[in-house]
Amino acid sequence: MRAFASCGTVAALFGLLAFADAVAEDRITDQLQACEVLKKAAVELHLSRHDLSGRYYCEANGDNSDVFILGLRYITTADEMVGSNLLGWFAVRRADGTVLEWDFEQNQAIPLRPRPPFEQ
């Protein structure tokens, strides 16, 4: 019985170590990494009205101990030069890569609002 308990304890420790590694892998450590997370979210969460995969880029606007603050923009074509290419301001949480909206008036990250699917 004692050997079984020891194996269970070892298995539990390995499980905790694996969980700690997974959390550490999700941690965002710099603005480039935060931008990659935001560009992926732009497609998966439909942050723009059209799928602009491969055309997104980020404009850094600072950070704090919790988030990186980034503007999501896209590379325009000649026929799109009608206005701004800014899709919005977002915060990427350092701890886990969660993408949030950045509210400049409140100077804080807020949950993303639901987005409709891409227009065709």
PDB file of N, CA and C in Angstrom:
ATOM      1  N   MET A   1       0.838  -1.202   0.000  1.00  0.00           N
ATOM      2  CA  MET A   1       0.000   0.000   0.000  1.00  0.00           C
ATOM      3  C   MET A   1       0.871   1.249   0.000  1.00  0.00           C
ATOM      4  N   ARG A   2       1.933   1.219   0.751  1.00  0.00           N
ATOM      5  CA  ARG A   2       2.814   2.373   0.834  1.00  0.00           C
ATOM      6  C   ARG A   2       3.436   2.692  -0.537  1.00  0.00           C
ATOM      7  N   ALA A   3       3.834   1.685  -1.290  1.00  0.00           N
ATOM      8  CA  ALA A   3       4.414   1.891  -2.616  1.00  0.00           C
ATOM      9  C   ALA A   3       3.391   2.540  -3.547  1.00  0.00           C
ATOM     10  N   PHE A   4       2.143   2.144  -3.441  1.00  0.00           N
ATOM     11  CA  PHE A   4       1.093   2.726  -4.269  1.00  0.00           C
ATOM     12  C   PHE A   4       0.907   4.210  -3.944  1.00  0.00           C
ATOM     13  N   ALA A   5       0.919   4.522  -2.648  1.00  0.00           N
ATOM     14  CA  ALA A   5       0.767   5.917  -2.243  1.00  0.00           C
ATOM     15  C   ALA A   5       1.937   6.748  -2.754  1.00  0.00           C
ATOM     16  N   SER A   6       3.149   6.184  -2.708  1.00  0.00           N
ATOM     17  CA  SER A   6       4.312   6.910  -3.200  1.00  0.00           C
ATOM     18  C   SER A   6       4.201   7.160  -4.691  1.00  0.00           C
ATOM     19  N   CYS A   7       3.746   6.157  -5.448  1.00  0.00           N
ATOM     20  CA  CYS A   7       3.570   6.342  -6.890  1.00  0.00           C
ATOM     21  C   CYS A   7       2.530   7.413  -7.167  1.00  0.00           C
ATOM     22  N   GLY A   8       1.450   7.412  -6.379  1.00  0.00           N
ATOM     23  CA  GLY A   8       0.414   8.424  -6.544  1.00  0.00           C
ATOM     24  C   GLY A   8       0.947   9.811  -6.245  1.00  0.00           C
ATOM     25  N   THR A   9       1.789   9.924  -5.223  1.00  0.00           N
ATOM     26  CA  THR A   9       2.381  11.208  -4.861  1.00  0.00           C
ATOM     27  C   THR A   9       3.307  11.695  -5.964  1.00  0.00           C
ATOM     28  N   VAL A  10       4.120  10.792  -6.496  1.00  0.00           N
ATOM     29  CA  VAL A  10       5.026  11.154  -7.585  1.00  0.00           C
ATOM     30  C   VAL A  10       4.219  11.595  -8.804  1.00  0.00           C
ATOM     31  N   ALA A  11       3.159  10.848  -9.131  1.00  0.00           N
ATOM     32  CA  ALA A  11       2.315  11.203 -10.276  1.00  0.00           C
ATOM     33  C   ALA A  11       1.686  12.578 -10.075  1.00  0.00           C
ATOM     34  N   ALA A  12       1.239  12.851  -8.859  1.00  0.00           N
ATOM     35  CA  ALA A  12       0.639  14.152  -8.568  1.00  0.00           C
ATOM     36  C   ALA A  12       1.666  15.274  -8.740  1.00  0.00           C
ATOM     37  N   LEU A  13       2.886  15.033  -8.276  1.00  0.00           N
ATOM     38  CA  LEU A  13       3.938  16.045  -8.429  1.00  0.00           C
ATOM     39  C   LEU A  13       4.252  16.300  -9.902  1.00  0.00           C
ATOM     40  N   PHE A  14       4.342  15.224 -10.689  1.00  0.00           N
ATOM     41  CA  PHE A  14       4.575  15.402 -12.121  1.00  0.00           C
ATOM     42  C   PHE A  14       3.425  16.166 -12.767  1.00  0.00           C
ATOM     43  N   GLY A  15       2.204  15.886 -12.323  1.00  0.00           N
ATOM     44  CA  GLY A  15       1.042  16.603 -12.850  1.00  0.00           C
ATOM     45  C   GLY A  15       1.118  18.091 -12.547  1.00  0.00           C
ATOM     46  N   LEU A  16       1.515  18.429 -11.325  1.00  0.00           N
ATOM     47  CA  LEU A  16       1.652  19.839 -10.946  1.00  0.00           C
ATOM     48  C   LEU A  16       2.752  20.515 -11.743  1.00  0.00           C
ATOM     49  N   LEU A  17       3.866  19.812 -11.952  1.00  0.00           N
ATOM     50  CA  LEU A  17       4.958  20.383 -12.735  1.00  0.00           C
ATOM     51  C   LEU A  17       4.524  20.618 -14.172  1.00  0.00           C
ATOM     52  N   ALA A  18       3.785  19.676 -14.738  1.00  0.00           N
ATOM     53  CA  ALA A  18       3.296  19.835 -16.103  1.00  0.00           C
ATOM     54  C   ALA A  18       2.347  21.023 -16.191  1.00  0.00           C
ATOM     55  N   PHE A  19       1.481  21.179 -15.176  1.00  0.00           N
ATOM     56  CA  PHE A  19       0.557  22.319 -15.150  1.00  0.00           C
ATOM     57  C   PHE A  19       1.333  23.627 -15.049  1.00  0.00           C
ATOM     58  N   ALA A  20       2.343  23.676 -14.202  1.00  0.00           N
ATOM     59  CA  ALA A  20       3.156  24.887 -14.043  1.00  0.00           C
ATOM     60  C   ALA A  20       3.845  25.235 -15.354  1.00  0.00           C
ATOM     61  N   ASP A  21       4.351  24.219 -16.065  1.00  0.00           N
ATOM     62  CA  ASP A  21       4.985  24.467 -17.358  1.00  0.00           C
ATOM     63  C   ASP A  21       3.980  25.016 -18.356  1.00  0.00           C
ATOM     64  N   ALA A  22       2.767  24.466 -18.369  1.00  0.00           N
ATOM     65  CA  ALA A  22       1.735  24.930 -19.304  1.00  0.00           C
ATOM     66  C   ALA A  22       1.383  26.381 -19.022  1.00  0.00           C
ATOM     67  N   VAL A  23       1.270  26.755 -17.754  1.00  0.00           N
ATOM     68  CA  VAL A  23       0.966  28.138 -17.390  1.00  0.00           C
ATOM     69  C   VAL A  23       2.114  29.041 -17.821  1.00  0.00           C
ATOM     70  N   ALA A  24       3.350  28.599 -17.590  1.00  0.00           N
ATOM     71  CA  ALA A  24       4.511  29.401 -17.968  1.00  0.00           C
ATOM     72  C   ALA A  24       4.568  29.589 -19.483  1.00  0.00           C
ATOM     73  N   GLU A  25       4.174  28.582 -20.257  1.00  0.00           N
ATOM     74  CA  GLU A  25       4.179  28.692 -21.714  1.00  0.00           C
ATOM     75  C   GLU A  25       3.163  29.710 -22.194  1.00  0.00           C
ATOM     76  N   ASP A  26       2.063  29.891 -21.486  1.00  0.00           N
ATOM     77  CA  ASP A  26       1.031  30.841 -21.881  1.00  0.00           C
ATOM     78  C   ASP A  26       1.390  32.270 -21.491  1.00  0.00           C
ATOM     79  N   ARG A  27       2.383  32.447 -20.655  1.00  0.00           N
ATOM     80  CA  ARG A  27       2.770  33.770 -20.186  1.00  0.00           C
ATOM     81  C   ARG A  27       3.324  34.587 -21.350  1.00  0.00           C
ATOM     82  N   ILE A  28       2.887  35.835 -21.466  1.00  0.00           N
ATOM     83  CA  ILE A  28       3.321  36.734 -22.526  1.00  0.00           C
ATOM     84  C   ILE A  28       4.423  37.619 -21.957  1.00  0.00           C
ATOM     85  N   THR A  29       5.587  37.587 -22.596  1.00  0.00           N
ATOM     86  CA  THR A  29       6.743  38.261 -22.014  1.00  0.00           C
ATOM     87  C   THR A  29       7.175  39.531 -22.737  1.00  0.00           C
ATOM     88  N   ASP A  30       6.697  39.760 -23.969  1.00  0.00           N
ATOM     89  CA  ASP A  30       7.099  40.981 -24.678  1.00  0.00           C
ATOM     90  C   ASP A  30       6.017  41.396 -25.675  1.00  0.00           C
ATOM     91  N   GLN A  31       6.192  42.594 -26.234  1.00  0.00           N
ATOM     92  CA  GLN A  31       5.187  43.146 -27.143  1.00  0.00           C
ATOM     93  C   GLN A  31       5.064  42.355 -28.444  1.00  0.00           C
ATOM     94  N   LEU A  32       6.157  41.808 -28.935  1.00  0.00           N
ATOM     95  CA  LEU A  32       6.079  41.006 -30.165  1.00  0.00           C
ATOM     96  C   LEU A  32       5.219  39.774 -29.957  1.00  0.00           C
ATOM     97  N   GLN A  33       5.404  39.121 -28.843  1.00  0.00           N
ATOM     98  CA  GLN A  33       4.591  37.947 -28.513  1.00  0.00           C
ATOM     99  C   GLN A  33       3.130  38.358 -28.331  1.00  0.00           C
ATOM    100  N   ALA A  34       2.897  39.477 -27.665  1.00  0.00           N
ATOM    101  CA  ALA A  34       1.533  39.972 -27.463  1.00  0.00           C
ATOM    102  C   ALA A  34       0.881  40.285 -28.803  1.00  0.00           C
ATOM    103  N   CYS A  35       1.640  40.844 -29.737  1.00  0.00           N
ATOM    104  CA  CYS A  35       1.106  41.160 -31.065  1.00  0.00           C
ATOM    105  C   CYS A  35       0.715  39.877 -31.799  1.00  0.00           C
ATOM    106  N   GLU A  36       1.512  38.837 -31.712  1.00  0.00           N
ATOM    107  CA  GLU A  36       1.174  37.570 -32.370  1.00  0.00           C
ATOM    108  C   GLU A  36      -0.124  37.000 -31.812  1.00  0.00           C
ATOM    109  N   VAL A  37      -0.293  37.089 -30.500  1.00  0.00           N
ATOM    110  CA  VAL A  37      -1.529  36.628 -29.865  1.00  0.00           C
ATOM    111  C   VAL A  37      -2.713  37.451 -30.379  1.00  0.00           C
ATOM    112  N   LEU A  38      -2.535  38.761 -30.468  1.00  0.00           N
ATOM    113  CA  LEU A  38      -3.614  39.640 -30.935  1.00  0.00           C
ATOM    114  C   LEU A  38      -3.964  39.359 -32.395  1.00  0.00           C
ATOM    115  N   LYS A  39      -2.974  39.162 -33.241  1.00  0.00           N
ATOM    116  CA  LYS A  39      -3.242  38.873 -34.658  1.00  0.00           C
ATOM    117  C   LYS A  39      -3.998  37.553 -34.817  1.00  0.00           C
ATOM    118  N   LYS A  40      -3.657  36.572 -34.021  1.00  0.00           N
ATOM    119  CA  LYS A  40      -4.378  35.291 -34.068  1.00  0.00           C
ATOM    120  C   LYS A  40      -5.821  35.493 -33.592  1.00  0.00           C
ATOM    121  N   ALA A  41      -5.999  36.267 -32.528  1.00  0.00           N
ATOM    122  CA  ALA A  41      -7.340  36.545 -32.007  1.00  0.00           C
ATOM    123  C   ALA A  41      -8.167  37.336 -33.023  1.00  0.00           C
ATOM    124  N   ALA A  42      -7.511  38.188 -33.818  1.00  0.00           N
ATOM    125  CA  ALA A  42      -8.233  38.979 -34.821  1.00  0.00           C
ATOM    126  C   ALA A  42      -8.993  38.077 -35.779  1.00  0.00           C
ATOM    127  N   VAL A  43      -8.401  36.945 -36.106  1.00  0.00           N
ATOM    128  CA  VAL A  43      -9.057  35.997 -37.005  1.00  0.00           C
ATOM    129  C   VAL A  43     -10.048  35.124 -36.242  1.00  0.00           C
ATOM    130  N   GLU A  44      -9.609  34.554 -35.142  1.00  0.00           N
ATOM    131  CA  GLU A  44     -10.454  33.612 -34.397  1.00  0.00           C
ATOM    132  C   GLU A  44     -11.673  34.282 -33.767  1.00  0.00           C
ATOM    133  N   LEU A  45     -11.517  35.528 -33.332  1.00  0.00           N
ATOM    134  CA  LEU A  45     -12.603  36.223 -32.638  1.00  0.00           C
ATOM    135  C   LEU A  45     -13.293  37.269 -33.516  1.00  0.00           C
ATOM    136  N   HIS A  46     -12.914  37.340 -34.789  1.00  0.00           N
ATOM    137  CA  HIS A  46     -13.547  38.256 -35.753  1.00  0.00           C
ATOM    138  C   HIS A  46     -13.468  39.712 -35.280  1.00  0.00           C
ATOM    139  N   LEU A  47     -12.266  40.155 -34.951  1.00  0.00           N
ATOM    140  CA  LEU A  47     -12.109  41.510 -34.436  1.00  0.00           C
ATOM    141  C   LEU A  47     -12.293  42.571 -35.516  1.00  0.00           C
ATOM    142  N   SER A  48     -12.258  42.181 -36.767  1.00  0.00           N
ATOM    143  CA  SER A  48     -12.566  43.107 -37.858  1.00  0.00           C
ATOM    144  C   SER A  48     -13.799  42.577 -38.593  1.00  0.00           C
ATOM    145  N   ARG A  49     -14.335  43.367 -39.511  1.00  0.00           N
ATOM    146  CA  ARG A  49     -15.538  42.932 -40.256  1.00  0.00           C
ATOM    147  C   ARG A  49     -15.188  41.951 -41.364  1.00  0.00           C
ATOM    148  N   HIS A  50     -13.933  41.972 -41.822  1.00  0.00           N
ATOM    149  CA  HIS A  50     -13.476  41.092 -42.901  1.00  0.00           C
ATOM    150  C   HIS A  50     -12.252  40.320 -42.417  1.00  0.00           C
ATOM    151  N   ASP A  51     -12.036  39.151 -42.985  1.00  0.00           N
ATOM    152  CA  ASP A  51     -10.855  38.377 -42.650  1.00  0.00           C
ATOM    153  C   ASP A  51      -9.659  39.003 -43.352  1.00  0.00           C
ATOM    154  N   LEU A  52      -8.787  39.616 -42.586  1.00  0.00           N
ATOM    155  CA  LEU A  52      -7.611  40.289 -43.121  1.00  0.00           C
ATOM    156  C   LEU A  52      -6.344  39.519 -42.745  1.00  0.00           C
ATOM    157  N   SER A  53      -6.432  38.214 -42.688  1.00  0.00           N
ATOM    158  CA  SER A  53      -5.292  37.360 -42.328  1.00  0.00           C
ATOM    159  C   SER A  53      -4.068  37.739 -43.139  1.00  0.00           C
ATOM    160  N   GLY A  54      -2.943  37.822 -42.463  1.00  0.00           N
ATOM    161  CA  GLY A  54      -1.692  38.171 -43.118  1.00  0.00           C
ATOM    162  C   GLY A  54      -1.495  39.666 -43.309  1.00  0.00           C
ATOM    163  N   ARG A  55      -2.506  40.469 -42.994  1.00  0.00           N
ATOM    164  CA  ARG A  55      -2.421  41.917 -43.183  1.00  0.00           C
ATOM    165  C   ARG A  55      -2.444  42.676 -41.862  1.00  0.00           C
ATOM    166  N   TYR A  56      -2.667  41.972 -40.753  1.00  0.00           N
ATOM    167  CA  TYR A  56      -2.728  42.636 -39.448  1.00  0.00           C
ATOM    168  C   TYR A  56      -1.328  42.993 -38.955  1.00  0.00           C
ATOM    169  N   TYR A  57      -1.245  44.108 -38.245  1.00  0.00           N
ATOM    170  CA  TYR A  57      -0.029  44.447 -37.512  1.00  0.00           C
ATOM    171  C   TYR A  57      -0.434  45.245 -36.278  1.00  0.00           C
ATOM    172  N   CYS A  58       0.510  45.431 -35.379  1.00  0.00           N
ATOM    173  CA  CYS A  58       0.202  46.075 -34.102  1.00  0.00           C
ATOM    174  C   CYS A  58       0.948  47.387 -33.939  1.00  0.00           C
ATOM    175  N   GLU A  59       0.315  48.280 -33.219  1.00  0.00           N
ATOM    176  CA  GLU A  59       0.930  49.537 -32.815  1.00  0.00           C
ATOM    177  C   GLU A  59       0.986  49.520 -31.292  1.00  0.00           C
ATOM    178  N   ALA A  60       2.180  49.501 -30.754  1.00  0.00           N
ATOM    179  CA  ALA A  60       2.338  49.452 -29.300  1.00  0.00           C
ATOM    180  C   ALA A  60       1.953  50.801 -28.693  1.00  0.00           C
ATOM    181  N   ASN A  61       1.263  50.733 -27.563  1.00  0.00           N
ATOM    182  CA  ASN A  61       0.881  51.955 -26.859  1.00  0.00           C
ATOM    183  C   ASN A  61       1.144  51.777 -25.379  1.00  0.00           C
ATOM    184  N   GLY A  62       2.224  51.095 -25.042  1.00  0.00           N
ATOM    185  CA  GLY A  62       2.608  50.951 -23.651  1.00  0.00           C
ATOM    186  C   GLY A  62       2.200  49.625 -23.060  1.00  0.00           C
ATOM    187  N   ASP A  63       2.458  49.527 -21.798  1.00  0.00           N
ATOM    188  CA  ASP A  63       2.110  48.325 -21.056  1.00  0.00           C
ATOM    189  C   ASP A  63       2.118  48.680 -19.577  1.00  0.00           C
ATOM    190  N   ASN A  64       1.634  47.754 -18.796  1.00  0.00           N
ATOM    191  CA  ASN A  64       1.722  47.880 -17.347  1.00  0.00           C
ATOM    192  C   ASN A  64       2.048  46.502 -16.790  1.00  0.00           C
ATOM    193  N   SER A  65       1.964  46.319 -15.523  1.00  0.00           N
ATOM    194  CA  SER A  65       2.355  45.034 -14.936  1.00  0.00           C
ATOM    195  C   SER A  65       1.397  43.905 -15.312  1.00  0.00           C
ATOM    196  N   ASP A  66       0.192  44.227 -15.805  1.00  0.00           N
ATOM    197  CA  ASP A  66      -0.805  43.214 -16.138  1.00  0.00           C
ATOM    198  C   ASP A  66      -0.960  42.948 -17.631  1.00  0.00           C
ATOM    199  N   VAL A  67      -0.824  43.986 -18.466  1.00  0.00           N
ATOM    200  CA  VAL A  67      -1.158  43.843 -19.890  1.00  0.00           C
ATOM    201  C   VAL A  67      -0.195  44.622 -20.786  1.00  0.00           C
ATOM    202  N   PHE A  68      -0.173  44.205 -22.054  1.00  0.00           N
ATOM    203  CA  PHE A  68       0.419  44.987 -23.122  1.00  0.00           C
ATOM    204  C   PHE A  68      -0.738  45.661 -23.853  1.00  0.00           C
ATOM    205  N   ILE A  69      -0.617  46.940 -24.169  1.00  0.00           N
ATOM    206  CA  ILE A  69      -1.674  47.695 -24.833  1.00  0.00           C
ATOM    207  C   ILE A  69      -1.261  47.892 -26.290  1.00  0.00           C
ATOM    208  N   LEU A  70      -2.107  47.412 -27.190  1.00  0.00           N
ATOM    209  CA  LEU A  70      -1.777  47.424 -28.608  1.00  0.00           C
ATOM    210  C   LEU A  70      -2.944  47.900 -29.457  1.00  0.00           C
ATOM    211  N   GLY A  71      -2.644  48.674 -30.478  1.00  0.00           N
ATOM    212  CA  GLY A  71      -3.621  48.997 -31.501  1.00  0.00           C
ATOM    213  C   GLY A  71      -3.537  47.935 -32.581  1.00  0.00           C
ATOM    214  N   LEU A  72      -4.673  47.438 -33.022  1.00  0.00           N
ATOM    215  CA  LEU A  72      -4.696  46.462 -34.112  1.00  0.00           C
ATOM    216  C   LEU A  72      -4.975  47.212 -35.401  1.00  0.00           C
ATOM    217  N   ARG A  73      -4.058  47.112 -36.335  1.00  0.00           N
ATOM    218  CA  ARG A  73      -4.175  47.772 -37.633  1.00  0.00           C
ATOM    219  C   ARG A  73      -3.997  46.735 -38.739  1.00  0.00           C
ATOM    220  N   TYR A  74      -4.258  47.155 -39.977  1.00  0.00           N
ATOM    221  CA  TYR A  74      -4.040  46.260 -41.109  1.00  0.00           C
ATOM    222  C   TYR A  74      -3.405  47.028 -42.258  1.00  0.00           C
ATOM    223  N   ILE A  75      -2.647  46.291 -43.067  1.00  0.00           N
ATOM    224  CA  ILE A  75      -2.025  46.861 -44.250  1.00  0.00           C
ATOM    225  C   ILE A  75      -3.129  47.098 -45.277  1.00  0.00           C
ATOM    226  N   THR A  76      -3.210  48.322 -45.771  1.00  0.00           N
ATOM    227  CA  THR A  76      -4.281  48.674 -46.703  1.00  0.00           C
ATOM    228  C   THR A  76      -3.864  48.444 -48.160  1.00  0.00           C
ATOM    229  N   THR A  77      -4.865  48.290 -48.996  1.00  0.00           N
ATOM    230  CA  THR A  77      -4.657  48.255 -50.439  1.00  0.00           C
ATOM    231  C   THR A  77      -5.049  49.624 -50.976  1.00  0.00           C
ATOM    232  N   ALA A  78      -4.739  49.893 -52.231  1.00  0.00           N
ATOM    233  CA  ALA A  78      -5.018  51.209 -52.831  1.00  0.00           C
ATOM    234  C   ALA A  78      -6.498  51.573 -52.751  1.00  0.00           C
ATOM    235  N   ASP A  79      -7.387  50.604 -52.924  1.00  0.00           N
ATOM    236  CA  ASP A  79      -8.824  50.903 -52.905  1.00  0.00           C
ATOM    237  C   ASP A  79      -9.393  51.024 -51.489  1.00  0.00           C
ATOM    238  N   GLU A  80      -8.601  50.745 -50.486  1.00  0.00           N
ATOM    239  CA  GLU A  80      -9.078  50.839 -49.097  1.00  0.00           C
ATOM    240  C   GLU A  80      -8.682  52.142 -48.416  1.00  0.00           C
ATOM    241  N   MET A  81      -7.956  52.994 -49.056  1.00  0.00           N
ATOM    242  CA  MET A  81      -7.471  54.227 -48.432  1.00  0.00           C
ATOM    243  C   MET A  81      -8.584  55.268 -48.335  1.00  0.00           C
ATOM    244  N   VAL A  82      -9.556  54.981 -47.493  1.00  0.00           N
ATOM    245  CA  VAL A  82     -10.697  55.879 -47.332  1.00  0.00           C
ATOM    246  C   VAL A  82     -10.709  56.485 -45.936  1.00  0.00           C
ATOM    247  N   GLY A  83     -10.062  55.838 -45.001  1.00  0.00           N
ATOM    248  CA  GLY A  83     -10.063  56.321 -43.623  1.00  0.00           C
ATOM    249  C   GLY A  83      -8.972  55.624 -42.835  1.00  0.00           C
ATOM    250  N   SER A  84      -9.231  55.453 -41.590  1.00  0.00           N
ATOM    251  CA  SER A  84      -8.254  54.837 -40.702  1.00  0.00           C
ATOM    252  C   SER A  84      -8.206  53.323 -40.886  1.00  0.00           C
ATOM    253  N   ASN A  85      -7.043  52.766 -40.685  1.00  0.00           N
ATOM    254  CA  ASN A  85      -6.892  51.314 -40.699  1.00  0.00           C
ATOM    255  C   ASN A  85      -6.828  50.745 -39.281  1.00  0.00           C
ATOM    256  N   LEU A  86      -7.160  51.568 -38.300  1.00  0.00           N
ATOM    257  CA  LEU A  86      -7.173  51.127 -36.901  1.00  0.00           C
ATOM    258  C   LEU A  86      -8.467  50.372 -36.622  1.00  0.00           C
ATOM    259  N   LEU A  87      -8.334  49.124 -36.181  1.00  0.00           N
ATOM    260  CA  LEU A  87      -9.499  48.303 -35.862  1.00  0.00           C
ATOM    261  C   LEU A  87      -9.898  48.410 -34.392  1.00  0.00           C
ATOM    262  N   GLY A  88      -9.008  48.897 -33.569  1.00  0.00           N
ATOM    263  CA  GLY A  88      -9.322  49.077 -32.158  1.00  0.00           C
ATOM    264  C   GLY A  88      -8.091  48.953 -31.289  1.00  0.00           C
ATOM    265  N   TRP A  89      -8.285  49.265 -30.023  1.00  0.00           N
ATOM    266  CA  TRP A  89      -7.212  49.155 -29.037  1.00  0.00           C
ATOM    267  C   TRP A  89      -7.519  47.970 -28.148  1.00  0.00           C
ATOM    268  N   PHE A  90      -6.502  47.171 -27.914  1.00  0.00           N
ATOM    269  CA  PHE A  90      -6.675  45.932 -27.172  1.00  0.00           C
ATOM    270  C   PHE A  90      -5.586  45.778 -26.123  1.00  0.00           C
ATOM    271  N   ALA A  91      -5.866  44.956 -25.145  1.00  0.00           N
ATOM    272  CA  ALA A  91      -4.902  44.611 -24.106  1.00  0.00           C
ATOM    273  C   ALA A  91      -4.702  43.101 -24.154  1.00  0.00           C
ATOM    274  N   VAL A  92      -3.456  42.678 -24.103  1.00  0.00           N
ATOM    275  CA  VAL A  92      -3.130  41.260 -24.036  1.00  0.00           C
ATOM    276  C   VAL A  92      -2.557  41.010 -22.649  1.00  0.00           C
ATOM    277  N   ARG A  93      -3.263  40.193 -21.880  1.00  0.00           N
ATOM    278  CA  ARG A  93      -2.873  39.932 -20.493  1.00  0.00           C
ATOM    279  C   ARG A  93      -1.574  39.138 -20.445  1.00  0.00           C
ATOM    280  N   ARG A  94      -0.619  39.627 -19.672  1.00  0.00           N
ATOM    281  CA  ARG A  94       0.692  38.989 -19.539  1.00  0.00           C
ATOM    282  C   ARG A  94       0.593  37.569 -18.971  1.00  0.00           C
ATOM    283  N   ALA A  95      -0.277  37.369 -18.011  1.00  0.00           N
ATOM    284  CA  ALA A  95      -0.328  36.097 -17.287  1.00  0.00           C
ATOM    285  C   ALA A  95      -0.743  34.922 -18.156  1.00  0.00           C
ATOM    286  N   ASP A  96      -1.659  35.170 -19.131  1.00  0.00           N
ATOM    287  CA  ASP A  96      -2.194  34.023 -19.862  1.00  0.00           C
ATOM    288  C   ASP A  96      -2.520  34.292 -21.329  1.00  0.00           C
ATOM    289  N   GLY A  97      -2.253  35.504 -21.824  1.00  0.00           N
ATOM    290  CA  GLY A  97      -2.495  35.802 -23.230  1.00  0.00           C
ATOM    291  C   GLY A  97      -3.941  36.104 -23.582  1.00  0.00           C
ATOM    292  N   THR A  98      -4.781  36.315 -22.592  1.00  0.00           N
ATOM    293  CA  THR A  98      -6.173  36.673 -22.865  1.00  0.00           C
ATOM    294  C   THR A  98      -6.227  38.033 -23.539  1.00  0.00           C
ATOM    295  N   VAL A  99      -7.034  38.139 -24.598  1.00  0.00           N
ATOM    296  CA  VAL A  99      -7.195  39.400 -25.317  1.00  0.00           C
ATOM    297  C   VAL A  99      -8.439  40.107 -24.794  1.00  0.00           C
ATOM    298  N   LEU A 100      -8.265  41.374 -24.444  1.00  0.00           N
ATOM    299  CA  LEU A 100      -9.334  42.210 -23.917  1.00  0.00           C
ATOM    300  C   LEU A 100      -9.362  43.505 -24.715  1.00  0.00           C
ATOM    301  N   GLU A 101     -10.417  44.263 -24.575  1.00  0.00           N
ATOM    302  CA  GLU A 101     -10.448  45.596 -25.180  1.00  0.00           C
ATOM    303  C   GLU A 101      -9.806  46.566 -24.200  1.00  0.00           C
ATOM    304  N   TRP A 102      -9.211  47.631 -24.719  1.00  0.00           N
ATOM    305  CA  TRP A 102      -8.622  48.653 -23.861  1.00  0.00           C
ATOM    306  C   TRP A 102      -9.502  49.884 -23.899  1.00  0.00           C
ATOM    307  N   ASP A 103      -9.960  50.295 -22.730  1.00  0.00           N
ATOM    308  CA  ASP A 103     -10.807  51.478 -22.588  1.00  0.00           C
ATOM    309  C   ASP A 103      -9.913  52.631 -22.136  1.00  0.00           C
ATOM    310  N   PHE A 104      -9.643  53.580 -23.046  1.00  0.00           N
ATOM    311  CA  PHE A 104      -8.768  54.698 -22.720  1.00  0.00           C
ATOM    312  C   PHE A 104      -9.402  55.648 -21.710  1.00  0.00           C
ATOM    313  N   GLU A 105     -10.720  55.809 -21.742  1.00  0.00           N
ATOM    314  CA  GLU A 105     -11.381  56.701 -20.779  1.00  0.00           C
ATOM    315  C   GLU A 105     -11.219  56.195 -19.357  1.00  0.00           C
ATOM    316  N   GLN A 106     -11.391  54.887 -19.182  1.00  0.00           N
ATOM    317  CA  GLN A 106     -11.273  54.284 -17.847  1.00  0.00           C
ATOM    318  C   GLN A 106      -9.838  53.833 -17.545  1.00  0.00           C
ATOM    319  N   ASN A 107      -8.977  53.862 -18.573  1.00  0.00           N
ATOM    320  CA  ASN A 107      -7.596  53.413 -18.442  1.00  0.00           C
ATOM    321  C   ASN A 107      -7.522  51.991 -17.876  1.00  0.00           C
ATOM    322  N   GLN A 108      -8.333  51.110 -18.494  1.00  0.00           N
ATOM    323  CA  GLN A 108      -8.361  49.729 -18.021  1.00  0.00           C
ATOM    324  C   GLN A 108      -8.806  48.779 -19.124  1.00  0.00           C
ATOM    325  N   ALA A 109      -8.474  47.523 -18.928  1.00  0.00           N
ATOM    326  CA  ALA A 109      -8.902  46.471 -19.849  1.00  0.00           C
ATOM    327  C   ALA A 109     -10.318  46.046 -19.482  1.00  0.00           C
ATOM    328  N   ILE A 110     -11.128  45.791 -20.518  1.00  0.00           N
ATOM    329  CA  ILE A 110     -12.501  45.335 -20.311  1.00  0.00           C
ATOM    330  C   ILE A 110     -12.739  44.115 -21.205  1.00  0.00           C
ATOM    331  N   PRO A 111     -13.723  43.289 -20.884  1.00  0.00           N
ATOM    332  CA  PRO A 111     -13.989  42.106 -21.717  1.00  0.00           C
ATOM    333  C   PRO A 111     -14.335  42.502 -23.152  1.00  0.00           C
ATOM    334  N   LEU A 112     -13.954  41.635 -24.083  1.00  0.00           N
ATOM    335  CA  LEU A 112     -14.308  41.864 -25.488  1.00  0.00           C
ATOM    336  C   LEU A 112     -15.809  41.815 -25.657  1.00  0.00           C
ATOM    337  N   ARG A 113     -16.330  42.676 -26.488  1.00  0.00           N
ATOM    338  CA  ARG A 113     -17.762  42.602 -26.819  1.00  0.00           C
ATOM    339  C   ARG A 113     -17.926  41.591 -27.950  1.00  0.00           C
ATOM    340  N   PRO A 114     -19.054  40.938 -28.030  1.00  0.00           N
ATOM    341  CA  PRO A 114     -19.279  39.949 -29.103  1.00  0.00           C
ATOM    342  C   PRO A 114     -19.163  40.586 -30.471  1.00  0.00           C
ATOM    343  N   ARG A 115     -18.613  39.859 -31.401  1.00  0.00           N
ATOM    344  CA  ARG A 115     -18.435  40.324 -32.769  1.00  0.00           C
ATOM    345  C   ARG A 115     -19.224  39.429 -33.725  1.00  0.00           C
ATOM    346  N   PRO A 116     -19.806  39.998 -34.777  1.00  0.00           N
ATOM    347  CA  PRO A 116     -20.496  39.159 -35.796  1.00  0.00           C
ATOM    348  C   PRO A 116     -19.447  38.428 -36.629  1.00  0.00           C
ATOM    349  N   PRO A 117     -19.868  37.421 -37.364  1.00  0.00           N
ATOM    350  CA  PRO A 117     -18.912  36.733 -38.247  1.00  0.00           C
ATOM    351  C   PRO A 117     -18.406  37.658 -39.339  1.00  0.00           C
ATOM    352  N   PHE A 118     -17.324  37.247 -40.000  1.00  0.00           N
ATOM    353  CA  PHE A 118     -16.779  38.047 -41.094  1.00  0.00           C
ATOM    354  C   PHE A 118     -17.818  38.230 -42.189  1.00  0.00           C
ATOM    355  N   GLU A 119     -17.824  39.423 -42.796  1.00  0.00           N
ATOM    356  CA  GLU A 119     -18.643  39.655 -43.976  1.00  0.00           C
ATOM    357  C   GLU A 119     -17.936  39.032 -45.166  1.00  0.00           C
ATOM    358  N   GLN A 120     -18.703  38.549 -46.104  1.00  0.00           N
ATOM    359  CA  GLN A 120     -18.097  37.936 -47.298  1.00  0.00           C
ATOM    360  C   GLN A 120     -17.893  38.942 -48.383  1.00  0.00           C
TER     361      GLN A 120
END
